[in-house]
């Protein structure tokens, strides 16, 4: 029952995020994280929300937390690597890009940015 409510709230927040309604998505995700701080998806989504609001430091912290969980998506590793790359932290970027690749993410953007990190 608890897992269903968690997934419903995350799904609702994701819908608001996709509709660019960042304030509602943020509010829901902050509530979710208060109750379930170890939810990789909630931390990942909140990182995307605050990142779109321009708060890169908070997005970075949330993505670092999200990727610390075993059930985190490969996309979170890619996004974290992109932030590291934009901060000229090429070694860290390369490491998380490798993890995204190992988890099965195969996109042009990932491989392009991984190449940039290596260069």
PDB file of N, CA and C in Angstrom:
ATOM      1  N   UNK A   1       0.822  -1.198   0.000  1.00  0.00           N
ATOM      2  CA  UNK A   1       0.000   0.000   0.000  1.00  0.00           C
ATOM      3  C   UNK A   1       0.859   1.254   0.000  1.00  0.00           C
ATOM      4  N   UNK A   2       1.895   1.258   0.837  1.00  0.00           N
ATOM      5  CA  UNK A   2       2.782   2.417   0.916  1.00  0.00           C
ATOM      6  C   UNK A   2       3.503   2.628  -0.409  1.00  0.00           C
ATOM      7  N   UNK A   3       3.971   1.537  -1.009  1.00  0.00           N
ATOM      8  CA  UNK A   3       4.677   1.630  -2.283  1.00  0.00           C
ATOM      9  C   UNK A   3       3.776   2.194  -3.367  1.00  0.00           C
ATOM     10  N   UNK A   4       2.499   1.826  -3.353  1.00  0.00           N
ATOM     11  CA  UNK A   4       1.558   2.362  -4.341  1.00  0.00           C
ATOM     12  C   UNK A   4       1.404   3.865  -4.201  1.00  0.00           C
ATOM     13  N   UNK A   5       1.275   4.334  -2.970  1.00  0.00           N
ATOM     14  CA  UNK A   5       1.120   5.774  -2.736  1.00  0.00           C
ATOM     15  C   UNK A   5       2.375   6.520  -3.158  1.00  0.00           C
ATOM     16  N   UNK A   6       3.531   5.943  -2.859  1.00  0.00           N
ATOM     17  CA  UNK A   6       4.801   6.542  -3.256  1.00  0.00           C
ATOM     18  C   UNK A   6       4.862   6.670  -4.776  1.00  0.00           C
ATOM     19  N   UNK A   7       4.549   5.593  -5.474  1.00  0.00           N
ATOM     20  CA  UNK A   7       4.599   5.607  -6.940  1.00  0.00           C
ATOM     21  C   UNK A   7       3.571   6.573  -7.529  1.00  0.00           C
ATOM     22  N   UNK A   8       2.389   6.640  -6.936  1.00  0.00           N
ATOM     23  CA  UNK A   8       1.366   7.577  -7.406  1.00  0.00           C
ATOM     24  C   UNK A   8       1.838   9.018  -7.267  1.00  0.00           C
ATOM     25  N   UNK A   9       2.412   9.347  -6.123  1.00  0.00           N
ATOM     26  CA  UNK A   9       2.888  10.715  -5.908  1.00  0.00           C
ATOM     27  C   UNK A   9       4.042  11.059  -6.839  1.00  0.00           C
ATOM     28  N   UNK A  10       4.952  10.130  -7.048  1.00  0.00           N
ATOM     29  CA  UNK A  10       6.063  10.372  -7.969  1.00  0.00           C
ATOM     30  C   UNK A  10       5.532  10.522  -9.389  1.00  0.00           C
ATOM     31  N   UNK A  11       4.571   9.688  -9.759  1.00  0.00           N
ATOM     32  CA  UNK A  11       3.962   9.807 -11.091  1.00  0.00           C
ATOM     33  C   UNK A  11       3.272  11.138 -11.293  1.00  0.00           C
ATOM     34  N   UNK A  12       2.572  11.599 -10.283  1.00  0.00           N
ATOM     35  CA  UNK A  12       1.901  12.897 -10.357  1.00  0.00           C
ATOM     36  C   UNK A  12       2.926  14.023 -10.490  1.00  0.00           C
ATOM     37  N   UNK A  13       3.979  13.954  -9.679  1.00  0.00           N
ATOM     38  CA  UNK A  13       5.027  14.975  -9.760  1.00  0.00           C
ATOM     39  C   UNK A  13       5.683  14.970 -11.138  1.00  0.00           C
ATOM     40  N   UNK A  14       5.882  13.787 -11.691  1.00  0.00           N
ATOM     41  CA  UNK A  14       6.486  13.690 -13.027  1.00  0.00           C
ATOM     42  C   UNK A  14       5.578  14.322 -14.082  1.00  0.00           C
ATOM     43  N   UNK A  15       4.275  14.120 -13.965  1.00  0.00           N
ATOM     44  CA  UNK A  15       3.334  14.754 -14.896  1.00  0.00           C
ATOM     45  C   UNK A  15       3.430  16.277 -14.810  1.00  0.00           C
ATOM     46  N   UNK A  16       3.458  16.795 -13.593  1.00  0.00           N
ATOM     47  CA  UNK A  16       3.586  18.244 -13.429  1.00  0.00           C
ATOM     48  C   UNK A  16       4.910  18.745 -14.005  1.00  0.00           C
ATOM     49  N   UNK A  17       5.967  17.988 -13.787  1.00  0.00           N
ATOM     50  CA  UNK A  17       7.274  18.371 -14.323  1.00  0.00           C
ATOM     51  C   UNK A  17       7.223  18.434 -15.846  1.00  0.00           C
ATOM     52  N   UNK A  18       6.644  17.426 -16.466  1.00  0.00           N
ATOM     53  CA  UNK A  18       6.564  17.390 -17.928  1.00  0.00           C
ATOM     54  C   UNK A  18       5.681  18.503 -18.488  1.00  0.00           C
ATOM     55  N   UNK A  19       4.787  19.018 -17.654  1.00  0.00           N
ATOM     56  CA  UNK A  19       3.932  20.144 -18.044  1.00  0.00           C
ATOM     57  C   UNK A  19       4.573  21.488 -17.680  1.00  0.00           C
ATOM     58  N   UNK A  20       5.839  21.436 -17.243  1.00  0.00           N
ATOM     59  CA  UNK A  20       6.583  22.636 -16.804  1.00  0.00           C
ATOM     60  C   UNK A  20       5.953  23.326 -15.606  1.00  0.00           C
ATOM     61  N   UNK A  21       5.188  22.603 -14.823  1.00  0.00           N
ATOM     62  CA  UNK A  21       4.632  23.134 -13.588  1.00  0.00           C
ATOM     63  C   UNK A  21       5.575  22.722 -12.456  1.00  0.00           C
ATOM     64  N   UNK A  22       6.714  23.414 -12.440  1.00  0.00           N
ATOM     65  CA  UNK A  22       7.784  23.040 -11.521  1.00  0.00           C
ATOM     66  C   UNK A  22       7.410  23.227 -10.055  1.00  0.00           C
ATOM     67  N   UNK A  23       6.611  24.245  -9.757  1.00  0.00           N
ATOM     68  CA  UNK A  23       6.284  24.493  -8.346  1.00  0.00           C
ATOM     69  C   UNK A  23       5.452  23.354  -7.756  1.00  0.00           C
ATOM     70  N   UNK A  24       4.468  22.836  -8.498  1.00  0.00           N
ATOM     71  CA  UNK A  24       3.677  21.726  -7.979  1.00  0.00           C
ATOM     72  C   UNK A  24       4.510  20.447  -7.910  1.00  0.00           C
ATOM     73  N   UNK A  25       5.309  20.200  -8.927  1.00  0.00           N
ATOM     74  CA  UNK A  25       6.170  19.011  -8.916  1.00  0.00           C
ATOM     75  C   UNK A  25       7.121  19.072  -7.729  1.00  0.00           C
ATOM     76  N   UNK A  26       7.704  20.235  -7.507  1.00  0.00           N
ATOM     77  CA  UNK A  26       8.653  20.413  -6.409  1.00  0.00           C
ATOM     78  C   UNK A  26       7.988  20.178  -5.060  1.00  0.00           C
ATOM     79  N   UNK A  27       6.800  20.725  -4.883  1.00  0.00           N
ATOM     80  CA  UNK A  27       6.077  20.575  -3.622  1.00  0.00           C
ATOM     81  C   UNK A  27       5.793  19.100  -3.326  1.00  0.00           C
ATOM     82  N   UNK A  28       5.314  18.376  -4.316  1.00  0.00           N
ATOM     83  CA  UNK A  28       5.014  16.958  -4.129  1.00  0.00           C
ATOM     84  C   UNK A  28       6.286  16.177  -3.810  1.00  0.00           C
ATOM     85  N   UNK A  29       7.343  16.439  -4.581  1.00  0.00           N
ATOM     86  CA  UNK A  29       8.588  15.688  -4.394  1.00  0.00           C
ATOM     87  C   UNK A  29       9.240  15.982  -3.049  1.00  0.00           C
ATOM     88  N   UNK A  30       9.174  17.225  -2.598  1.00  0.00           N
ATOM     89  CA  UNK A  30       9.719  17.553  -1.276  1.00  0.00           C
ATOM     90  C   UNK A  30       8.972  16.798  -0.182  1.00  0.00           C
ATOM     91  N   UNK A  31       7.641  16.690  -0.327  1.00  0.00           N
ATOM     92  CA  UNK A  31       6.855  15.920   0.642  1.00  0.00           C
ATOM     93  C   UNK A  31       7.218  14.435   0.593  1.00  0.00           C
ATOM     94  N   UNK A  32       7.380  13.919  -0.617  1.00  0.00           N
ATOM     95  CA  UNK A  32       7.750  12.510  -0.775  1.00  0.00           C
ATOM     96  C   UNK A  32       9.091  12.250  -0.101  1.00  0.00           C
ATOM     97  N   UNK A  33      10.064  13.122  -0.343  1.00  0.00           N
ATOM     98  CA  UNK A  33      11.410  12.922   0.199  1.00  0.00           C
ATOM     99  C   UNK A  33      11.428  13.044   1.723  1.00  0.00           C
ATOM    100  N   UNK A  34      10.561  13.878   2.269  1.00  0.00           N
ATOM    101  CA  UNK A  34      10.461  13.948   3.740  1.00  0.00           C
ATOM    102  C   UNK A  34      10.056  12.598   4.309  1.00  0.00           C
ATOM    103  N   UNK A  35       9.117  11.931   3.625  1.00  0.00           N
ATOM    104  CA  UNK A  35       8.614  10.650   4.107  1.00  0.00           C
ATOM    105  C   UNK A  35       9.485   9.476   3.652  1.00  0.00           C
ATOM    106  N   UNK A  36      10.054   9.586   2.456  1.00  0.00           N
ATOM    107  CA  UNK A  36      10.865   8.513   1.875  1.00  0.00           C
ATOM    108  C   UNK A  36      12.196   9.087   1.370  1.00  0.00           C
ATOM    109  N   UNK A  37      13.098   9.439   2.265  1.00  0.00           N
ATOM    110  CA  UNK A  37      14.347  10.099   1.848  1.00  0.00           C
ATOM    111  C   UNK A  37      15.240   9.218   0.970  1.00  0.00           C
ATOM    112  N   UNK A  38      15.016   7.909   0.995  1.00  0.00           N
ATOM    113  CA  UNK A  38      15.850   6.993   0.222  1.00  0.00           C
ATOM    114  C   UNK A  38      15.226   6.602  -1.113  1.00  0.00           C
ATOM    115  N   UNK A  39      14.316   7.406  -1.601  1.00  0.00           N
ATOM    116  CA  UNK A  39      13.704   7.136  -2.903  1.00  0.00           C
ATOM    117  C   UNK A  39      14.597   7.705  -4.001  1.00  0.00           C
ATOM    118  N   UNK A  40      15.257   6.837  -4.776  1.00  0.00           N
ATOM    119  CA  UNK A  40      16.137   7.351  -5.829  1.00  0.00           C
ATOM    120  C   UNK A  40      15.374   8.164  -6.872  1.00  0.00           C
ATOM    121  N   UNK A  41      14.177   7.705  -7.235  1.00  0.00           N
ATOM    122  CA  UNK A  41      13.417   8.409  -8.283  1.00  0.00           C
ATOM    123  C   UNK A  41      12.954   9.785  -7.808  1.00  0.00           C
ATOM    124  N   UNK A  42      12.515   9.897  -6.564  1.00  0.00           N
ATOM    125  CA  UNK A  42      12.076  11.197  -6.052  1.00  0.00           C
ATOM    126  C   UNK A  42      13.244  12.175  -6.009  1.00  0.00           C
ATOM    127  N   UNK A  43      14.402  11.710  -5.561  1.00  0.00           N
ATOM    128  CA  UNK A  43      15.582  12.583  -5.531  1.00  0.00           C
ATOM    129  C   UNK A  43      16.012  12.976  -6.941  1.00  0.00           C
ATOM    130  N   UNK A  44      15.956  12.021  -7.870  1.00  0.00           N
ATOM    131  CA  UNK A  44      16.321  12.302  -9.258  1.00  0.00           C
ATOM    132  C   UNK A  44      15.374  13.333  -9.875  1.00  0.00           C
ATOM    133  N   UNK A  45      14.073  13.121  -9.717  1.00  0.00           N
ATOM    134  CA  UNK A  45      13.110  14.064 -10.284  1.00  0.00           C
ATOM    135  C   UNK A  45      13.234  15.447  -9.671  1.00  0.00           C
ATOM    136  N   UNK A  46      13.426  15.508  -8.363  1.00  0.00           N
ATOM    137  CA  UNK A  46      13.578  16.819  -7.727  1.00  0.00           C
ATOM    138  C   UNK A  46      14.833  17.512  -8.246  1.00  0.00           C
ATOM    139  N   UNK A  47      15.869  16.746  -8.528  1.00  0.00           N
ATOM    140  CA  UNK A  47      17.077  17.335  -9.124  1.00  0.00           C
ATOM    141  C   UNK A  47      16.754  17.976 -10.468  1.00  0.00           C
ATOM    142  N   UNK A  48      15.942  17.310 -11.282  1.00  0.00           N
ATOM    143  CA  UNK A  48      15.575  17.865 -12.586  1.00  0.00           C
ATOM    144  C   UNK A  48      14.741  19.134 -12.419  1.00  0.00           C
ATOM    145  N   UNK A  49      13.852  19.123 -11.439  1.00  0.00           N
ATOM    146  CA  UNK A  49      13.012  20.294 -11.192  1.00  0.00           C
ATOM    147  C   UNK A  49      13.871  21.486 -10.786  1.00  0.00           C
ATOM    148  N   UNK A  50      14.702  21.309  -9.766  1.00  0.00           N
ATOM    149  CA  UNK A  50      15.498  22.443  -9.285  1.00  0.00           C
ATOM    150  C   UNK A  50      16.541  22.853 -10.322  1.00  0.00           C
ATOM    151  N   UNK A  51      17.023  21.899 -11.103  1.00  0.00           N
ATOM    152  CA  UNK A  51      17.947  22.230 -12.184  1.00  0.00           C
ATOM    153  C   UNK A  51      17.284  23.112 -13.226  1.00  0.00           C
ATOM    154  N   UNK A  52      16.038  22.810 -13.548  1.00  0.00           N
ATOM    155  CA  UNK A  52      15.295  23.635 -14.500  1.00  0.00           C
ATOM    156  C   UNK A  52      14.955  25.003 -13.927  1.00  0.00           C
ATOM    157  N   UNK A  53      14.953  25.102 -12.621  1.00  0.00           N
ATOM    158  CA  UNK A  53      14.743  26.395 -11.972  1.00  0.00           C
ATOM    159  C   UNK A  53      16.048  27.181 -11.848  1.00  0.00           C
ATOM    160  N   UNK A  54      17.163  26.562 -12.263  1.00  0.00           N
ATOM    161  CA  UNK A  54      18.452  27.239 -12.246  1.00  0.00           C
ATOM    162  C   UNK A  54      19.305  26.962 -11.019  1.00  0.00           C
ATOM    163  N   UNK A  55      18.870  26.086 -10.133  1.00  0.00           N
ATOM    164  CA  UNK A  55      19.612  25.786  -8.910  1.00  0.00           C
ATOM    165  C   UNK A  55      20.509  24.559  -9.142  1.00  0.00           C
ATOM    166  N   UNK A  56      21.622  24.774  -9.844  1.00  0.00           N
ATOM    167  CA  UNK A  56      22.512  23.678 -10.216  1.00  0.00           C
ATOM    168  C   UNK A  56      23.183  23.023  -9.016  1.00  0.00           C
ATOM    169  N   UNK A  57      23.489  23.794  -7.977  1.00  0.00           N
ATOM    170  CA  UNK A  57      24.127  23.213  -6.790  1.00  0.00           C
ATOM    171  C   UNK A  57      23.214  22.204  -6.102  1.00  0.00           C
ATOM    172  N   UNK A  58      21.946  22.565  -5.959  1.00  0.00           N
ATOM    173  CA  UNK A  58      20.986  21.655  -5.342  1.00  0.00           C
ATOM    174  C   UNK A  58      20.737  20.451  -6.256  1.00  0.00           C
ATOM    175  N   UNK A  59      20.656  20.692  -7.555  1.00  0.00           N
ATOM    176  CA  UNK A  59      20.484  19.590  -8.506  1.00  0.00           C
ATOM    177  C   UNK A  59      21.649  18.611  -8.402  1.00  0.00           C
ATOM    178  N   UNK A  60      22.849  19.147  -8.288  1.00  0.00           N
ATOM    179  CA  UNK A  60      24.041  18.311  -8.158  1.00  0.00           C
ATOM    180  C   UNK A  60      23.961  17.453  -6.889  1.00  0.00           C
ATOM    181  N   UNK A  61      23.621  18.060  -5.775  1.00  0.00           N
ATOM    182  CA  UNK A  61      23.505  17.322  -4.504  1.00  0.00           C
ATOM    183  C   UNK A  61      22.446  16.236  -4.574  1.00  0.00           C
ATOM    184  N   UNK A  62      21.307  16.564  -5.164  1.00  0.00           N
ATOM    185  CA  UNK A  62      20.223  15.584  -5.257  1.00  0.00           C
ATOM    186  C   UNK A  62      20.587  14.426  -6.181  1.00  0.00           C
ATOM    187  N   UNK A  63      21.262  14.722  -7.288  1.00  0.00           N
ATOM    188  CA  UNK A  63      21.676  13.641  -8.189  1.00  0.00           C
ATOM    189  C   UNK A  63      22.746  12.770  -7.547  1.00  0.00           C
ATOM    190  N   UNK A  64      23.661  13.393  -6.812  1.00  0.00           N
ATOM    191  CA  UNK A  64      24.672  12.595  -6.101  1.00  0.00           C
ATOM    192  C   UNK A  64      24.001  11.658  -5.105  1.00  0.00           C
ATOM    193  N   UNK A  65      22.964  12.144  -4.448  1.00  0.00           N
ATOM    194  CA  UNK A  65      22.227  11.291  -3.511  1.00  0.00           C
ATOM    195  C   UNK A  65      21.487  10.194  -4.273  1.00  0.00           C
ATOM    196  N   UNK A  66      20.824  10.559  -5.364  1.00  0.00           N
ATOM    197  CA  UNK A  66      20.049   9.582  -6.138  1.00  0.00           C
ATOM    198  C   UNK A  66      20.920   8.436  -6.638  1.00  0.00           C
ATOM    199  N   UNK A  67      22.111   8.754  -7.149  1.00  0.00           N
ATOM    200  CA  UNK A  67      22.962   7.693  -7.713  1.00  0.00           C
ATOM    201  C   UNK A  67      23.615   6.834  -6.638  1.00  0.00           C
ATOM    202  N   UNK A  68      23.473   7.228  -5.393  1.00  0.00           N
ATOM    203  CA  UNK A  68      24.022   6.405  -4.313  1.00  0.00           C
ATOM    204  C   UNK A  68      23.138   5.194  -4.013  1.00  0.00           C
ATOM    205  N   UNK A  69      21.940   5.166  -4.580  1.00  0.00           N
ATOM    206  CA  UNK A  69      21.014   4.051  -4.372  1.00  0.00           C
ATOM    207  C   UNK A  69      21.125   3.062  -5.524  1.00  0.00           C
ATOM    208  N   UNK A  70      21.011   1.774  -5.221  1.00  0.00           N
ATOM    209  CA  UNK A  70      21.218   0.745  -6.239  1.00  0.00           C
ATOM    210  C   UNK A  70      20.150   0.755  -7.326  1.00  0.00           C
ATOM    211  N   UNK A  71      18.969   1.265  -7.052  1.00  0.00           N
ATOM    212  CA  UNK A  71      17.884   1.253  -8.032  1.00  0.00           C
ATOM    213  C   UNK A  71      17.795   2.532  -8.857  1.00  0.00           C
ATOM    214  N   UNK A  72      18.843   3.306  -8.865  1.00  0.00           N
ATOM    215  CA  UNK A  72      18.818   4.569  -9.588  1.00  0.00           C
ATOM    216  C   UNK A  72      18.867   4.330 -11.097  1.00  0.00           C
ATOM    217  N   UNK A  73      18.268   5.213 -11.839  1.00  0.00           N
ATOM    218  CA  UNK A  73      18.229   5.066 -13.293  1.00  0.00           C
ATOM    219  C   UNK A  73      19.569   5.462 -13.918  1.00  0.00           C
ATOM    220  N   UNK A  74      19.899   4.875 -15.058  1.00  0.00           N
ATOM    221  CA  UNK A  74      21.122   5.270 -15.753  1.00  0.00           C
ATOM    222  C   UNK A  74      21.083   6.734 -16.209  1.00  0.00           C
ATOM    223  N   UNK A  75      19.887   7.242 -16.433  1.00  0.00           N
ATOM    224  CA  UNK A  75      19.752   8.644 -16.849  1.00  0.00           C
ATOM    225  C   UNK A  75      20.254   9.590 -15.766  1.00  0.00           C
ATOM    226  N   UNK A  76      20.055   9.229 -14.505  1.00  0.00           N
ATOM    227  CA  UNK A  76      20.548  10.072 -13.412  1.00  0.00           C
ATOM    228  C   UNK A  76      22.068  10.172 -13.459  1.00  0.00           C
ATOM    229  N   UNK A  77      22.739   9.056 -13.777  1.00  0.00           N
ATOM    230  CA  UNK A  77      24.194   9.086 -13.916  1.00  0.00           C
ATOM    231  C   UNK A  77      24.605  10.002 -15.072  1.00  0.00           C
ATOM    232  N   UNK A  78      23.888   9.901 -16.174  1.00  0.00           N
ATOM    233  CA  UNK A  78      24.189  10.766 -17.322  1.00  0.00           C
ATOM    234  C   UNK A  78      24.026  12.242 -16.954  1.00  0.00           C
ATOM    235  N   UNK A  79      22.913  12.564 -16.312  1.00  0.00           N
ATOM    236  CA  UNK A  79      22.667  13.968 -15.951  1.00  0.00           C
ATOM    237  C   UNK A  79      23.706  14.470 -14.952  1.00  0.00           C
ATOM    238  N   UNK A  80      24.082  13.619 -14.001  1.00  0.00           N
ATOM    239  CA  UNK A  80      25.125  13.995 -13.046  1.00  0.00           C
ATOM    240  C   UNK A  80      26.441  14.240 -13.773  1.00  0.00           C
ATOM    241  N   UNK A  81      26.777  13.361 -14.696  1.00  0.00           N
ATOM    242  CA  UNK A  81      27.992  13.538 -15.478  1.00  0.00           C
ATOM    243  C   UNK A  81      27.971  14.831 -16.278  1.00  0.00           C
ATOM    244  N   UNK A  82      26.821  15.183 -16.805  1.00  0.00           N
ATOM    245  CA  UNK A  82      26.693  16.433 -17.568  1.00  0.00           C
ATOM    246  C   UNK A  82      26.965  17.654 -16.691  1.00  0.00           C
ATOM    247  N   UNK A  83      26.479  17.598 -15.462  1.00  0.00           N
ATOM    248  CA  UNK A  83      26.743  18.715 -14.539  1.00  0.00           C
ATOM    249  C   UNK A  83      28.228  18.767 -14.202  1.00  0.00           C
ATOM    250  N   UNK A  84      28.816  17.602 -13.892  1.00  0.00           N
ATOM    251  CA  UNK A  84      30.258  17.574 -13.621  1.00  0.00           C
ATOM    252  C   UNK A  84      31.042  18.132 -14.802  1.00  0.00           C
ATOM    253  N   UNK A  85      30.657  17.743 -16.009  1.00  0.00           N
ATOM    254  CA  UNK A  85      31.357  18.208 -17.202  1.00  0.00           C
ATOM    255  C   UNK A  85      31.248  19.727 -17.333  1.00  0.00           C
ATOM    256  N   UNK A  86      30.068  20.273 -17.052  1.00  0.00           N
ATOM    257  CA  UNK A  86      29.882  21.730 -17.144  1.00  0.00           C
ATOM    258  C   UNK A  86      30.674  22.484 -16.078  1.00  0.00           C
ATOM    259  N   UNK A  87      31.047  21.770 -15.007  1.00  0.00           N
ATOM    260  CA  UNK A  87      31.846  22.357 -13.923  1.00  0.00           C
ATOM    261  C   UNK A  87      33.338  22.043 -14.095  1.00  0.00           C
ATOM    262  N   UNK A  88      33.708  21.529 -15.270  1.00  0.00           N
ATOM    263  CA  UNK A  88      35.096  21.169 -15.588  1.00  0.00           C
ATOM    264  C   UNK A  88      35.658  20.101 -14.661  1.00  0.00           C
ATOM    265  N   UNK A  89      34.800  19.219 -14.186  1.00  0.00           N
ATOM    266  CA  UNK A  89      35.240  18.086 -13.375  1.00  0.00           C
ATOM    267  C   UNK A  89      35.196  16.838 -14.264  1.00  0.00           C
ATOM    268  N   UNK A  90      36.118  16.822 -15.233  1.00  0.00           N
ATOM    269  CA  UNK A  90      36.103  15.811 -16.285  1.00  0.00           C
ATOM    270  C   UNK A  90      36.283  14.390 -15.761  1.00  0.00           C
ATOM    271  N   UNK A  91      37.140  14.207 -14.771  1.00  0.00           N
ATOM    272  CA  UNK A  91      37.371  12.858 -14.253  1.00  0.00           C
ATOM    273  C   UNK A  91      36.102  12.296 -13.614  1.00  0.00           C
ATOM    274  N   UNK A  92      35.446  13.108 -12.780  1.00  0.00           N
ATOM    275  CA  UNK A  92      34.187  12.667 -12.163  1.00  0.00           C
ATOM    276  C   UNK A  92      33.140  12.399 -13.234  1.00  0.00           C
ATOM    277  N   UNK A  93      33.081  13.289 -14.232  1.00  0.00           N
ATOM    278  CA  UNK A  93      32.111  13.116 -15.316  1.00  0.00           C
ATOM    279  C   UNK A  93      32.343  11.792 -16.022  1.00  0.00           C
ATOM    280  N   UNK A  94      33.587  11.501 -16.350  1.00  0.00           N
ATOM    281  CA  UNK A  94      33.907  10.255 -17.035  1.00  0.00           C
ATOM    282  C   UNK A  94      33.486   9.036 -16.233  1.00  0.00           C
ATOM    283  N   UNK A  95      33.688   9.089 -14.935  1.00  0.00           N
ATOM    284  CA  UNK A  95      33.337   7.948 -14.073  1.00  0.00           C
ATOM    285  C   UNK A  95      31.830   7.693 -14.075  1.00  0.00           C
ATOM    286  N   UNK A  96      31.036   8.747 -13.959  1.00  0.00           N
ATOM    287  CA  UNK A  96      29.585   8.527 -13.919  1.00  0.00           C
ATOM    288  C   UNK A  96      29.039   8.228 -15.310  1.00  0.00           C
ATOM    289  N   UNK A  97      29.669   8.766 -16.353  1.00  0.00           N
ATOM    290  CA  UNK A  97      29.260   8.385 -17.705  1.00  0.00           C
ATOM    291  C   UNK A  97      29.506   6.893 -17.922  1.00  0.00           C
ATOM    292  N   UNK A  98      30.629   6.384 -17.431  1.00  0.00           N
ATOM    293  CA  UNK A  98      30.920   4.944 -17.545  1.00  0.00           C
ATOM    294  C   UNK A  98      29.839   4.119 -16.850  1.00  0.00           C
ATOM    295  N   UNK A  99      29.391   4.590 -15.705  1.00  0.00           N
ATOM    296  CA  UNK A  99      28.350   3.872 -14.959  1.00  0.00           C
ATOM    297  C   UNK A  99      27.041   3.871 -15.762  1.00  0.00           C
ATOM    298  N   UNK A 100      26.696   5.008 -16.365  1.00  0.00           N
ATOM    299  CA  UNK A 100      25.475   5.083 -17.186  1.00  0.00           C
ATOM    300  C   UNK A 100      25.553   4.097 -18.346  1.00  0.00           C
ATOM    301  N   UNK A 101      26.720   4.012 -18.962  1.00  0.00           N
ATOM    302  CA  UNK A 101      26.917   3.073 -20.066  1.00  0.00           C
ATOM    303  C   UNK A 101      26.803   1.639 -19.563  1.00  0.00           C
ATOM    304  N   UNK A 102      27.428   1.348 -18.424  1.00  0.00           N
ATOM    305  CA  UNK A 102      27.378   0.003 -17.854  1.00  0.00           C
ATOM    306  C   UNK A 102      25.948  -0.408 -17.506  1.00  0.00           C
ATOM    307  N   UNK A 103      25.112   0.571 -17.163  1.00  0.00           N
ATOM    308  CA  UNK A 103      23.718   0.283 -16.823  1.00  0.00           C
ATOM    309  C   UNK A 103      22.816   0.192 -18.060  1.00  0.00           C
ATOM    310  N   UNK A 104      23.418   0.374 -19.247  1.00  0.00           N
ATOM    311  CA  UNK A 104      22.669   0.154 -20.477  1.00  0.00           C
ATOM    312  C   UNK A 104      22.185   1.385 -21.213  1.00  0.00           C
ATOM    313  N   UNK A 105      22.525   2.569 -20.743  1.00  0.00           N
ATOM    314  CA  UNK A 105      22.095   3.770 -21.456  1.00  0.00           C
ATOM    315  C   UNK A 105      22.952   3.935 -22.702  1.00  0.00           C
ATOM    316  N   UNK A 106      22.306   4.068 -23.826  1.00  0.00           N
ATOM    317  CA  UNK A 106      23.020   4.188 -25.093  1.00  0.00           C
ATOM    318  C   UNK A 106      22.409   5.338 -25.888  1.00  0.00           C
ATOM    319  N   UNK A 107      22.943   6.531 -25.680  1.00  0.00           N
ATOM    320  CA  UNK A 107      22.468   7.686 -26.434  1.00  0.00           C
ATOM    321  C   UNK A 107      23.665   8.406 -27.033  1.00  0.00           C
ATOM    322  N   UNK A 108      23.413   9.130 -28.093  1.00  0.00           N
ATOM    323  CA  UNK A 108      24.479   9.906 -28.714  1.00  0.00           C
ATOM    324  C   UNK A 108      25.035  10.924 -27.727  1.00  0.00           C
ATOM    325  N   UNK A 109      24.138  11.622 -27.006  1.00  0.00           N
ATOM    326  CA  UNK A 109      24.576  12.646 -26.059  1.00  0.00           C
ATOM    327  C   UNK A 109      25.509  12.089 -25.000  1.00  0.00           C
ATOM    328  N   UNK A 110      25.189  10.931 -24.482  1.00  0.00           N
ATOM    329  CA  UNK A 110      26.028  10.306 -23.468  1.00  0.00           C
ATOM    330  C   UNK A 110      27.413  10.013 -24.027  1.00  0.00           C
ATOM    331  N   UNK A 111      27.475   9.390 -25.180  1.00  0.00           N
ATOM    332  CA  UNK A 111      28.772   9.024 -25.747  1.00  0.00           C
ATOM    333  C   UNK A 111      29.563  10.264 -26.180  1.00  0.00           C
ATOM    334  N   UNK A 112      28.873  11.271 -26.659  1.00  0.00           N
ATOM    335  CA  UNK A 112      29.539  12.518 -27.036  1.00  0.00           C
ATOM    336  C   UNK A 112      30.165  13.181 -25.806  1.00  0.00           C
ATOM    337  N   UNK A 113      29.361  13.321 -24.753  1.00  0.00           N
ATOM    338  CA  UNK A 113      29.873  13.975 -23.543  1.00  0.00           C
ATOM    339  C   UNK A 113      30.938  13.128 -22.854  1.00  0.00           C
ATOM    340  N   UNK A 114      30.818  11.824 -22.916  1.00  0.00           N
ATOM    341  CA  UNK A 114      31.849  10.946 -22.373  1.00  0.00           C
ATOM    342  C   UNK A 114      33.163  11.187 -23.128  1.00  0.00           C
ATOM    343  N   UNK A 115      33.074  11.321 -24.428  1.00  0.00           N
ATOM    344  CA  UNK A 115      34.269  11.649 -25.219  1.00  0.00           C
ATOM    345  C   UNK A 115      34.859  12.985 -24.832  1.00  0.00           C
ATOM    346  N   UNK A 116      34.007  13.977 -24.570  1.00  0.00           N
ATOM    347  CA  UNK A 116      34.502  15.281 -24.115  1.00  0.00           C
ATOM    348  C   UNK A 116      35.239  15.146 -22.784  1.00  0.00           C
ATOM    349  N   UNK A 117      34.687  14.363 -21.891  1.00  0.00           N
ATOM    350  CA  UNK A 117      35.309  14.185 -20.565  1.00  0.00           C
ATOM    351  C   UNK A 117      36.676  13.526 -20.722  1.00  0.00           C
ATOM    352  N   UNK A 118      36.763  12.576 -21.621  1.00  0.00           N
ATOM    353  CA  UNK A 118      38.045  11.892 -21.837  1.00  0.00           C
ATOM    354  C   UNK A 118      39.091  12.793 -22.515  1.00  0.00           C
ATOM    355  N   UNK A 119      38.605  13.698 -23.353  1.00  0.00           N
ATOM    356  CA  UNK A 119      39.516  14.604 -24.068  1.00  0.00           C
ATOM    357  C   UNK A 119      40.044  15.623 -23.108  1.00  0.00           C
TER     358      UNK A 119
END
